[in-house]
């Protein structure tokens, strides 16, 4: 669907916005990102930093680094989520 970026302390991290299958029972669309984004703000998140919490609240799932950056299709993202047990 849509690829964009979240900026944290001057570094940009890729995210994708996708629609989930209705049968999954989640509200769509959702954002998915890579673990590197979480690791970048994790310390501040643990301290309840408002900006870090706000970013985290917008992410549905974190994939291994490189997956989102490789420009997968929405179908590939859905398949990977299924493999992860979502």
Protein backbone atom coordinates (compact mmCIF):
# COMPACT_ATOMS: atom_id res chain seq x y z
CA UNK A 1 0.00 0.00 0.00
CA UNK A 2 1.97 3.01 1.26
CA UNK A 3 5.65 3.16 2.18
CA UNK A 4 6.73 6.06 4.34
CA UNK A 5 9.25 6.86 7.02
CA UNK A 6 9.27 7.63 10.70
CA UNK A 7 12.04 9.89 11.94
CA UNK A 8 13.60 9.35 15.34
CA UNK A 9 16.50 11.53 16.51
CA UNK A 10 17.48 12.43 12.96
CA UNK A 11 17.34 8.88 11.57
CA UNK A 12 14.66 7.68 9.16
CA UNK A 13 13.05 4.25 9.48
CA UNK A 14 10.78 2.69 6.82
CA UNK A 15 7.21 1.76 7.61
CA UNK A 16 4.42 0.36 5.47
CA UNK A 17 0.72 0.98 5.79
CA UNK A 18 -1.37 -1.99 4.74
CA UNK A 19 -4.91 -3.31 4.95
CA UNK A 20 -5.29 -6.55 6.88
CA UNK A 21 -7.78 -9.24 5.86
CA UNK A 22 -11.16 -8.52 7.46
CA UNK A 23 -11.28 -12.09 8.74
CA UNK A 24 -8.41 -11.29 11.10
CA UNK A 25 -10.64 -8.99 13.13
CA UNK A 26 -8.24 -6.03 13.35
CA UNK A 27 -9.01 -2.48 12.34
CA UNK A 28 -7.28 -1.52 9.10
CA UNK A 29 -5.13 0.00 7.85
CA UNK A 30 -2.15 -0.73 10.10
CA UNK A 31 1.52 0.24 10.07
CA UNK A 32 4.32 -2.29 10.10
CA UNK A 33 7.99 -1.48 10.61
CA UNK A 34 11.38 -3.05 11.23
CA UNK A 35 12.91 -3.93 14.60
CA UNK A 36 15.57 -1.27 14.15
CA UNK A 37 12.91 1.39 14.73
CA UNK A 38 11.88 -0.13 18.05
CA UNK A 39 15.49 -0.56 19.14
CA UNK A 40 16.16 3.10 18.31
CA UNK A 41 13.51 4.37 20.73
CA UNK A 42 13.33 1.43 23.15
CA UNK A 43 15.24 3.13 25.98
CA UNK A 44 13.05 6.22 25.83
CA UNK A 45 9.93 4.06 25.52
CA UNK A 46 10.89 2.22 28.72
CA UNK A 47 11.04 5.62 30.43
CA UNK A 48 7.54 6.48 29.14
CA UNK A 49 8.83 9.19 26.79
CA UNK A 50 5.67 10.58 25.16
CA UNK A 51 7.12 10.73 21.65
CA UNK A 52 8.47 7.16 21.82
CA UNK A 53 5.16 5.86 23.17
CA UNK A 54 3.26 7.73 20.45
CA UNK A 55 5.39 6.14 17.72
CA UNK A 56 5.04 2.69 19.27
CA UNK A 57 1.27 3.08 19.46
CA UNK A 58 1.13 3.49 15.67
CA UNK A 59 3.01 0.27 14.82
CA UNK A 60 1.09 -3.00 14.53
CA UNK A 61 4.11 -5.29 14.03
CA UNK A 62 7.91 -5.17 13.78
CA UNK A 63 9.67 -7.33 11.19
CA UNK A 64 13.32 -8.28 11.01
CA UNK A 65 15.51 -5.50 9.66
CA UNK A 66 15.65 -5.28 5.89
CA UNK A 67 12.20 -6.73 5.18
CA UNK A 68 10.29 -3.47 4.77
CA UNK A 69 13.25 -1.78 3.11
CA UNK A 70 13.22 -4.56 0.47
CA UNK A 71 9.85 -3.23 -0.75
CA UNK A 72 7.69 -6.33 -0.29
CA UNK A 73 4.21 -6.35 -1.77
CA UNK A 74 1.21 -6.11 0.53
CA UNK A 75 0.59 -9.79 -0.16
CA UNK A 76 4.13 -10.68 0.93
CA UNK A 77 3.66 -8.70 4.14
CA UNK A 78 0.36 -10.47 4.85
CA UNK A 79 1.99 -13.85 4.18
CA UNK A 80 4.86 -13.02 6.54
CA UNK A 81 2.41 -11.94 9.25
CA UNK A 82 0.60 -15.25 8.83
CA UNK A 83 3.92 -17.10 9.17
CA UNK A 84 4.59 -15.16 12.36
CA UNK A 85 1.25 -16.31 13.77
CA UNK A 86 -0.62 -13.02 13.66
